[in-house]
Amino acid sequence: MTTIRIADAIADLLRDGMPVRFTAYDGSATGPEDSPMTLELTSQRGLAYLLTAPGDLGLARAYVAGDLVVHGVHPGNPYELMSRLKDHTKFRKVSPGEILTLVRGLGISNLKPPPPPPQEHLPRWRRAMEGLRHSMGRDAEAISHHYDVSNAFYRHVLGPSMAYTCAVYPHADATLEEAQAEKFDLVARKLDLKPGQRLLDVGCGWGGMVRHAAKEYGVKALGVTLSQQQADWGKEAIDRDGLGDLAEVRHLDYRDVMEGDFDAVSSIGLTEHIGVRNYPSYFRFLHDRLKPEGRLLNHSITRHHNRREETGAFIDRYVFPDGELIGSGTIIKEAQDAGLEVMHSENLRMHYAMTLRDWNRNLVDNWDACVDEVGIGTARVWGLYIASSRLGFEWNEIQLHQVLGVRVTDGGSNGFPLRPTW
């Protein structure tokens, strides 16, 4: 029986070749010898991950588990590596004869899937047994998987703002904190917030928008989040800032908000979690929470097209279980069909690439503390996720849109001036 060298097998299976140096535990190697970066496969378990989940998922499993070691980049910011690997992680179609040769040469034991790393969420078919997709119970579980990691970890990565959404950079040299403050203020200006008004912030995270609106605009603001850890942190921050008379954060599904007659609603980073099929009920619900001439600002990641496309396996299993994206055209259509007049749409795609760049930098700067807080596997997930997301925005595979709508009066008035004021 002919033994196949691991590196040769992997290089042959990859659809577009190996763009960096690759070495394996059997002593084999492939890829450019002068590459500044090397992927080192250290164990038989890692090979089994690659062969039983070909492509992004298998690579992620081996990397997160520590069986695929990266040399030449920091694990908190593998951006340069991801840039080189982009579009080079897919396996080509293999004929039955080639499969037989591989099995004989590499060993049939490598075709038995090892247990995935503990950071991996259940596959969608298993989640279906625990509730319908985007039911309240399943949404709560998905949000907890992503956001109830550790407030201390998020503080290291996100910075003092604790804002886990796209920042808006007023100039190229702005700091992350300046850009996050500008984001919240841009939302406030688009909503035309004024003292004494009432704001509802759905999917409020750690309460950044709620506190900004209360502190800077004198608005009575209510924020709701499905993450208990976010709610606890937000409540403490409100008390620390002395904003208890104006701001409130509740651990609550937005669909359970009973109050109405709000002057404004902000939704910053929630739409990605609710499911495209739920857009009609989502926008109707928010429309009904507004008073006439009340404004809605919807801030969300979008695709560059309006076709249905499933999220990749790595993102779905390790980062955003049940997350769904669609183009801004679909968001605008559903907002309009729910009775909102859409007044403005803005694409902040490159601002999100810059935000992710700064989150990777924070993760590198605080790497040891992050590993101590959440473990090496989870820290690796986040470095990989942030860097790959940055590439997605830079390559225009995903975008970030703010869509501004208003509930018009029965007589057709929307309360807007002739030209924007922000």
Protein backbone atom coordinates (compact mmCIF):
# COMPACT_ATOMS: atom_id res chain seq x y z
CA MET A 1 0.00 0.00 0.00
CA THR A 2 1.35 3.40 -1.01
CA THR A 3 1.58 5.97 1.78
CA ILE A 4 0.50 9.47 0.81
CA ARG A 5 2.32 12.43 2.28
CA ILE A 6 -0.15 14.61 4.18
CA ALA A 7 1.03 17.95 2.77
CA ASP A 8 0.83 16.63 -0.79
CA ALA A 9 -2.71 15.34 -0.18
CA ILE A 10 -3.95 18.61 1.29
CA ALA A 11 -2.34 20.70 -1.47
CA ASP A 12 -3.89 18.44 -4.12
CA LEU A 13 -7.35 18.66 -2.53
CA LEU A 14 -7.41 22.44 -2.32
CA ARG A 15 -9.23 23.90 -5.29
CA ASP A 16 -6.80 26.82 -5.80
CA GLY A 17 -3.57 25.53 -4.28
CA MET A 18 -1.75 26.30 -1.02
CA PRO A 19 -0.83 30.02 -0.87
CA VAL A 20 1.32 29.77 2.30
CA ARG A 21 3.79 27.25 3.67
CA PHE A 22 2.12 24.13 5.07
CA THR A 23 3.91 21.50 7.15
CA ALA A 24 2.55 18.30 8.69
CA TYR A 25 3.48 15.99 11.54
CA ASP A 26 4.71 13.31 9.10
CA GLY A 27 7.53 15.64 8.00
CA SER A 28 5.92 16.65 4.71
CA ALA A 29 5.62 20.23 3.48
CA THR A 30 4.14 22.18 0.60
CA GLY A 31 3.53 25.75 -0.45
CA PRO A 32 6.01 28.57 -1.12
CA GLU A 33 9.21 28.12 0.86
CA ASP A 34 9.67 31.90 1.20
CA SER A 35 6.22 32.47 2.71
CA PRO A 36 6.36 34.67 5.84
CA MET A 37 3.57 32.55 7.32
CA THR A 38 3.31 28.83 7.96
CA LEU A 39 0.45 26.50 8.86
CA GLU A 40 1.70 23.57 10.93
CA LEU A 41 -0.55 20.51 11.25
CA THR A 42 0.56 18.90 14.50
CA SER A 43 -1.66 15.86 15.02
CA GLN A 44 -3.75 13.09 13.51
CA ARG A 45 -6.85 14.67 15.05
CA GLY A 46 -6.16 17.84 13.07
CA LEU A 47 -5.94 15.83 9.85
CA ALA A 48 -9.26 14.17 10.67
CA TYR A 49 -10.82 17.60 11.17
CA LEU A 50 -9.60 18.72 7.74
CA LEU A 51 -10.79 15.59 5.96
CA THR A 52 -14.19 15.18 7.63
CA ALA A 53 -15.25 18.84 7.35
CA PRO A 54 -13.50 20.03 4.18
CA GLY A 55 -13.06 23.78 3.89
CA ASP A 56 -13.57 26.59 6.40
CA LEU A 57 -15.18 24.47 9.15
CA GLY A 58 -12.47 21.82 9.24
CA LEU A 59 -9.70 24.41 9.21
CA ALA A 60 -11.44 26.31 12.01
CA ARG A 61 -11.88 23.19 14.13
CA ALA A 62 -8.21 22.23 13.78
CA TYR A 63 -7.08 25.77 14.52
CA VAL A 64 -9.34 26.37 17.51
CA ALA A 65 -8.39 22.98 19.00
CA GLY A 66 -4.68 23.77 18.64
CA ASP A 67 -3.99 21.05 16.05
CA LEU A 68 -3.27 23.61 13.30
CA VAL A 69 -0.68 26.09 14.53
CA VAL A 70 -0.09 29.40 12.77
CA HIS A 71 3.40 30.89 12.59
CA GLY A 72 4.15 34.43 11.40
CA VAL A 73 1.03 36.23 12.65
CA HIS A 74 -0.44 36.90 16.07
CA PRO A 75 -3.52 34.75 16.86
CA GLY A 76 -5.30 37.90 18.00
CA ASN A 77 -4.96 39.36 14.51
CA PRO A 78 -4.45 36.77 11.76
CA TYR A 79 -5.56 39.32 9.13
CA GLU A 80 -2.50 38.93 6.87
CA LEU A 81 -2.89 35.16 6.89
CA MET A 82 -6.61 35.38 6.17
CA SER A 83 -5.86 37.75 3.28
CA ARG A 84 -3.60 35.12 1.71
CA LEU A 85 -5.97 32.23 2.40
CA LYS A 86 -9.02 34.06 1.04
CA ASP A 87 -10.69 31.90 -1.62
CA HIS A 88 -8.07 29.18 -1.01
CA THR A 89 -9.85 27.11 1.64
CA LYS A 90 -12.30 25.18 -0.53
CA PHE A 91 -11.66 21.55 -1.45
CA ARG A 92 -12.25 20.53 -5.06
CA LYS A 93 -14.63 17.74 -6.01
CA VAL A 94 -12.94 14.38 -5.63
CA SER A 95 -13.73 11.31 -7.75
CA PRO A 96 -14.58 7.96 -6.11
CA GLY A 97 -11.24 6.59 -7.25
CA GLU A 98 -9.35 9.46 -5.65
CA ILE A 99 -11.28 8.98 -2.41
CA LEU A 100 -10.28 5.32 -2.33
CA THR A 101 -6.63 6.24 -2.92
CA LEU A 102 -6.76 8.83 -0.16
CA VAL A 103 -8.32 6.40 2.30
CA ARG A 104 -5.69 3.79 1.56
CA GLY A 105 -2.84 6.29 1.69
CA LEU A 106 -3.86 8.33 4.73
CA GLY A 107 -5.69 5.69 6.74
CA ILE A 108 -9.40 5.07 7.17
CA SER A 109 -9.23 6.25 10.80
CA ASN A 110 -8.84 9.81 9.49
CA LEU A 111 -12.37 9.66 8.09
CA LYS A 112 -13.94 9.31 11.54
CA PRO A 113 -14.97 12.82 12.69
CA PRO A 114 -13.41 13.77 16.06
CA PRO A 115 -15.61 15.59 18.56
CA PRO A 116 -15.63 19.31 17.66
CA PRO A 117 -13.99 21.85 19.99
CA PRO A 118 -16.20 22.92 22.93
CA GLN A 119 -16.53 26.43 21.47
CA GLU A 120 -18.61 25.05 18.59
CA HIS A 121 -22.38 25.48 18.71
CA LEU A 122 -24.80 22.74 17.69
CA PRO A 123 -25.48 22.29 13.95
CA ARG A 124 -28.77 23.71 12.74
CA TRP A 125 -30.49 20.32 12.52
CA ARG A 126 -29.77 19.77 16.21
CA ARG A 127 -30.93 23.28 17.11
CA ALA A 128 -34.22 22.57 15.36
CA MET A 129 -34.93 19.96 18.03
CA GLU A 130 -34.67 22.69 20.67
CA GLY A 131 -37.17 25.10 19.13
CA LEU A 132 -38.13 26.78 15.91
CA ARG A 133 -35.53 29.05 14.39
CA HIS A 134 -35.98 32.58 15.79
CA SER A 135 -38.50 31.50 18.39
CA MET A 136 -38.04 33.46 21.60
CA GLY A 137 -36.41 30.53 23.38
CA ARG A 138 -34.00 29.67 20.59
CA ASP A 139 -33.12 33.34 20.02
CA ALA A 140 -32.32 33.69 23.70
CA GLU A 141 -30.00 30.67 23.51
CA ALA A 142 -28.25 32.01 20.39
CA ILE A 143 -27.75 35.45 21.93
CA SER A 144 -26.42 33.91 25.13
CA HIS A 145 -23.92 31.80 23.15
CA HIS A 146 -22.44 34.91 21.58
CA TYR A 147 -22.83 37.70 24.11
CA ASP A 148 -22.62 35.97 27.48
CA VAL A 149 -18.94 35.23 26.99
CA SER A 150 -17.49 37.59 29.58
CA ASN A 151 -18.01 41.29 30.13
CA ALA A 152 -14.32 41.60 31.05
CA PHE A 153 -13.35 39.95 27.75
CA TYR A 154 -15.56 42.31 25.77
CA ARG A 155 -14.09 45.27 27.65
CA HIS A 156 -10.61 44.22 26.51
CA VAL A 157 -11.69 43.84 22.87
CA LEU A 158 -14.26 46.61 22.44
CA GLY A 159 -12.66 49.24 24.63
CA PRO A 160 -14.35 51.54 27.17
CA SER A 161 -17.37 52.21 24.92
CA MET A 162 -18.48 48.53 25.14
CA ALA A 163 -20.03 49.12 21.72
CA TYR A 164 -20.14 45.94 19.67
CA THR A 165 -21.37 47.53 16.45
CA CYS A 166 -19.88 49.50 13.57
CA ALA A 167 -18.27 52.78 14.62
CA VAL A 168 -18.33 55.93 12.47
CA TYR A 169 -14.91 57.50 11.96
CA PRO A 170 -15.17 61.30 11.65
CA HIS A 171 -11.68 61.27 10.11
CA ALA A 172 -9.13 58.61 9.19
CA ASP A 173 -7.03 59.11 12.32
CA ALA A 174 -9.91 59.01 14.80
CA THR A 175 -9.60 56.60 17.72
CA LEU A 176 -12.05 53.76 18.20
CA GLU A 177 -13.61 55.57 21.17
CA GLU A 178 -14.06 58.76 19.16
CA ALA A 179 -15.63 56.76 16.35
CA GLN A 180 -18.05 54.91 18.64
CA ALA A 181 -19.15 58.20 20.23
CA GLU A 182 -19.68 59.60 16.72
CA LYS A 183 -21.77 56.55 15.78
CA PHE A 184 -24.13 57.02 18.72
CA ASP A 185 -24.33 60.74 18.02
CA LEU A 186 -25.05 60.19 14.32
CA VAL A 187 -27.95 57.93 15.29
CA ALA A 188 -29.19 60.57 17.74
CA ARG A 189 -28.96 63.31 15.09
CA LYS A 190 -30.76 61.24 12.49
CA LEU A 191 -33.50 60.55 15.03
CA ASP A 192 -33.59 64.29 15.82
CA LEU A 193 -33.59 63.60 19.56
CA LYS A 194 -34.61 66.43 21.88
CA PRO A 195 -34.85 66.81 25.68
CA GLY A 196 -37.95 65.22 27.15
CA GLN A 197 -38.51 62.76 24.30
CA ARG A 198 -38.76 59.00 24.76
CA LEU A 199 -36.42 56.57 22.99
CA LEU A 200 -36.68 52.78 22.70
CA ASP A 201 -33.39 51.02 21.84
CA VAL A 202 -33.98 47.38 20.85
CA GLY A 203 -31.06 44.98 21.14
CA CYS A 204 -29.35 47.62 23.25
CA GLY A 205 -26.18 45.66 24.07
CA TRP A 206 -24.38 47.16 27.04
CA GLY A 207 -26.54 50.30 26.88
CA GLY A 208 -24.24 52.65 24.96
CA MET A 209 -26.99 54.30 22.92
CA VAL A 210 -29.31 54.54 25.91
CA ARG A 211 -26.68 56.31 27.99
CA HIS A 212 -25.60 58.59 25.14
CA ALA A 213 -29.16 59.68 24.43
CA ALA A 214 -29.86 60.35 28.11
CA LYS A 215 -26.59 62.12 28.85
CA GLU A 216 -26.14 64.19 25.68
CA TYR A 217 -29.76 64.80 24.65
CA GLY A 218 -31.80 64.66 27.85
CA VAL A 219 -33.93 61.84 26.43
CA LYS A 220 -35.77 59.28 28.56
CA ALA A 221 -34.37 56.08 27.07
CA LEU A 222 -35.33 52.41 27.48
CA GLY A 223 -33.02 49.68 26.19
CA VAL A 224 -33.79 45.94 25.99
CA THR A 225 -31.43 43.01 25.44
CA LEU A 226 -31.67 39.21 25.53
CA SER A 227 -28.27 38.96 27.22
CA GLN A 228 -28.38 38.90 31.01
CA GLN A 229 -24.71 39.87 31.26
CA GLN A 230 -25.24 42.86 29.00
CA ALA A 231 -28.27 43.98 30.99
CA ASP A 232 -26.40 43.71 34.29
CA TRP A 233 -23.45 45.69 32.97
CA GLY A 234 -25.73 48.33 31.42
CA LYS A 235 -27.62 48.85 34.67
CA GLU A 236 -24.35 49.31 36.58
CA ALA A 237 -23.09 51.79 33.97
CA ILE A 238 -26.31 53.81 34.20
CA ASP A 239 -25.97 54.02 37.98
CA ARG A 240 -22.28 54.87 37.70
CA ASP A 241 -23.07 57.74 35.32
CA GLY A 242 -25.91 59.01 37.50
CA LEU A 243 -28.47 58.56 34.72
CA GLY A 244 -31.01 56.47 36.62
CA ASP A 245 -33.73 59.10 36.26
CA LEU A 246 -33.53 58.99 32.45
CA ALA A 247 -32.03 55.67 31.30
CA GLU A 248 -33.07 52.06 31.83
CA VAL A 249 -31.84 48.70 30.52
CA ARG A 250 -34.02 45.59 30.81
CA HIS A 251 -33.25 41.91 30.22
CA LEU A 252 -36.13 41.45 27.79
CA ASP A 253 -37.02 40.29 24.28
CA TYR A 254 -37.94 43.34 22.20
CA ARG A 255 -41.21 41.59 21.32
CA ASP A 256 -42.22 41.82 24.98
CA VAL A 257 -42.00 45.62 25.16
CA MET A 258 -45.51 46.73 26.05
CA GLU A 259 -44.97 50.50 26.13
CA GLY A 260 -45.70 52.59 23.05
CA ASP A 261 -45.92 56.17 21.85
CA PHE A 262 -42.12 56.53 21.60
CA ASP A 263 -40.69 59.55 19.81
CA ALA A 264 -37.90 57.41 18.37
CA VAL A 265 -36.69 53.83 18.09
CA SER A 266 -33.10 52.78 17.45
CA SER A 267 -32.09 49.28 16.41
CA ILE A 268 -28.30 48.96 16.28
CA GLY A 269 -27.12 45.47 15.40
CA LEU A 270 -30.34 43.55 16.11
CA THR A 271 -31.69 42.88 12.62
CA GLU A 272 -28.94 40.33 11.91
CA HIS A 273 -30.38 38.08 14.63
CA ILE A 274 -34.11 38.13 13.95
CA GLY A 275 -34.34 36.23 10.65
CA VAL A 276 -35.36 37.60 7.24
CA ARG A 277 -38.77 35.94 7.33
CA ASN A 278 -39.49 37.86 10.54
CA TYR A 279 -38.77 41.28 9.01
CA PRO A 280 -42.48 42.02 8.34
CA SER A 281 -43.52 41.44 11.96
CA TYR A 282 -40.35 43.15 13.24
CA PHE A 283 -40.95 46.37 11.33
CA ARG A 284 -44.69 46.33 12.07
CA PHE A 285 -43.92 45.96 15.77
CA LEU A 286 -41.49 48.89 15.77
CA HIS A 287 -43.84 50.98 13.64
CA ASP A 288 -46.59 50.41 16.21
CA ARG A 289 -44.30 51.47 19.09
CA LEU A 290 -43.83 54.91 17.50
CA LYS A 291 -46.05 57.94 17.81
CA PRO A 292 -47.00 59.70 14.55
CA GLU A 293 -43.92 61.43 13.07
CA GLY A 294 -41.74 59.21 15.27
CA ARG A 295 -38.53 58.00 13.65
CA LEU A 296 -36.83 54.59 13.41
CA LEU A 297 -33.11 54.18 12.74
CA ASN A 298 -32.18 50.63 11.71
CA HIS A 299 -28.42 49.97 11.77
CA SER A 300 -27.40 46.50 10.55
CA ILE A 301 -24.96 44.39 8.59
CA THR A 302 -26.23 43.67 5.08
CA ARG A 303 -25.19 41.73 2.02
CA HIS A 304 -24.22 43.38 -1.25
CA HIS A 305 -27.18 41.67 -2.91
CA ASN A 306 -30.75 40.73 -1.99
CA ARG A 307 -30.58 36.99 -2.66
CA ARG A 308 -30.95 34.46 0.13
CA GLU A 309 -27.55 33.12 1.16
CA GLU A 310 -26.77 31.03 4.20
CA THR A 311 -24.11 32.21 6.62
CA GLY A 312 -20.88 30.21 6.39
CA ALA A 313 -20.40 27.21 8.67
CA PHE A 314 -17.68 28.84 10.80
CA ILE A 315 -19.77 31.94 11.57
CA ASP A 316 -22.91 29.89 12.21
CA ARG A 317 -21.24 27.35 14.51
CA TYR A 318 -18.76 29.55 16.36
CA VAL A 319 -19.98 33.15 16.31
CA PHE A 320 -23.59 33.94 15.32
CA PRO A 321 -25.83 30.87 15.57
CA ASP A 322 -28.95 31.37 13.43
CA GLY A 323 -27.68 34.73 12.11
CA GLU A 324 -29.06 35.85 8.75
CA LEU A 325 -28.11 38.67 6.39
CA ILE A 326 -29.78 40.17 3.33
CA GLY A 327 -29.34 43.31 1.24
CA SER A 328 -30.47 46.80 2.18
CA GLY A 329 -33.09 46.68 -0.57
CA THR A 330 -34.97 43.97 1.32
CA ILE A 331 -34.74 45.93 4.57
CA ILE A 332 -36.10 49.06 2.88
CA LYS A 333 -38.92 47.10 1.20
CA GLU A 334 -40.03 45.47 4.44
CA ALA A 335 -39.88 48.76 6.34
CA GLN A 336 -42.02 50.38 3.66
CA ASP A 337 -44.49 47.48 3.58
CA ALA A 338 -44.86 47.86 7.36
CA GLY A 339 -46.05 51.44 6.87
CA LEU A 340 -42.81 53.35 7.44
CA GLU A 341 -41.71 56.09 5.07
CA VAL A 342 -38.02 55.50 4.35
CA MET A 343 -36.26 58.86 4.28
CA HIS A 344 -32.59 57.96 4.05
CA SER A 345 -30.15 55.05 3.65
CA GLU A 346 -26.40 55.18 4.20
CA ASN A 347 -23.72 52.52 3.63
CA LEU A 348 -20.93 52.57 6.23
CA ARG A 349 -19.07 49.53 4.89
CA MET A 350 -15.51 50.84 5.19
CA HIS A 351 -16.22 52.20 8.66
CA TYR A 352 -16.89 48.64 9.81
CA ALA A 353 -13.62 47.42 8.29
CA MET A 354 -11.84 50.10 10.33
CA THR A 355 -13.79 49.14 13.47
CA LEU A 356 -12.76 45.50 13.09
CA ARG A 357 -9.15 46.54 12.53
CA ASP A 358 -9.21 48.31 15.88
CA TRP A 359 -10.90 45.38 17.66
CA ASN A 360 -8.14 43.07 16.39
CA ARG A 361 -5.58 45.56 17.68
CA ASN A 362 -7.23 45.58 21.10
CA LEU A 363 -7.30 41.77 21.18
CA VAL A 364 -3.57 41.63 20.44
CA ASP A 365 -2.77 44.30 23.04
CA ASN A 366 -4.80 42.44 25.69
CA TRP A 367 -4.14 38.88 24.51
CA ASP A 368 -2.92 37.38 27.78
CA ALA A 369 -5.79 38.90 29.76
CA CYS A 370 -8.31 37.69 27.17
CA VAL A 371 -6.91 34.15 27.25
CA ASP A 372 -7.01 34.17 31.05
CA GLU A 373 -10.66 35.28 30.89
CA VAL A 374 -12.13 32.95 28.23
CA GLY A 375 -9.46 30.37 27.36
CA ILE A 376 -7.13 30.01 24.39
CA GLY A 377 -9.71 28.33 22.13
CA THR A 378 -12.30 31.09 22.43
CA ALA A 379 -9.62 33.77 22.05
CA ARG A 380 -8.50 32.09 18.80
CA VAL A 381 -12.12 32.07 17.57
CA TRP A 382 -12.38 35.80 18.10
CA GLY A 383 -9.11 36.68 16.40
CA LEU A 384 -10.13 34.60 13.39
CA TYR A 385 -13.69 35.92 13.29
CA ILE A 386 -12.76 39.60 13.54
CA ALA A 387 -10.01 39.37 10.91
CA SER A 388 -12.15 37.41 8.44
CA SER A 389 -15.05 39.81 8.94
CA ARG A 390 -12.75 42.75 8.17
CA LEU A 391 -11.88 41.11 4.87
CA GLY A 392 -15.57 40.61 4.12
CA PHE A 393 -16.23 44.33 4.43
CA GLU A 394 -13.11 45.33 2.53
CA TRP A 395 -14.00 43.04 -0.36
CA ASN A 396 -17.63 44.27 -0.42
CA GLU A 397 -19.03 40.86 0.43
CA ILE A 398 -20.91 42.43 3.33
CA GLN A 399 -21.94 46.00 4.08
CA LEU A 400 -23.38 48.07 6.93
CA HIS A 401 -26.50 50.13 6.32
CA GLN A 402 -28.32 52.69 8.40
CA VAL A 403 -31.91 53.00 7.20
CA LEU A 404 -33.99 55.88 8.56
CA GLY A 405 -37.77 55.64 8.51
CA VAL A 406 -40.69 57.51 10.01
CA ARG A 407 -44.28 56.76 10.96
CA VAL A 408 -46.34 59.24 8.96
CA THR A 409 -49.55 60.75 10.27
CA ASP A 410 -52.93 59.85 8.83
CA GLY A 411 -52.70 63.10 6.89
CA GLY A 412 -49.30 62.20 5.40
CA SER A 413 -47.07 64.43 7.53
CA ASN A 414 -43.65 63.07 8.53
CA GLY A 415 -42.24 66.04 10.42
CA PHE A 416 -39.01 66.18 8.39
CA PRO A 417 -37.45 69.44 7.20
CA LEU A 418 -36.79 69.91 3.50
CA ARG A 419 -33.15 68.81 3.84
CA PRO A 420 -31.36 66.56 6.36
CA THR A 421 -29.99 68.22 9.48
CA TRP A 422 -27.31 65.70 10.39
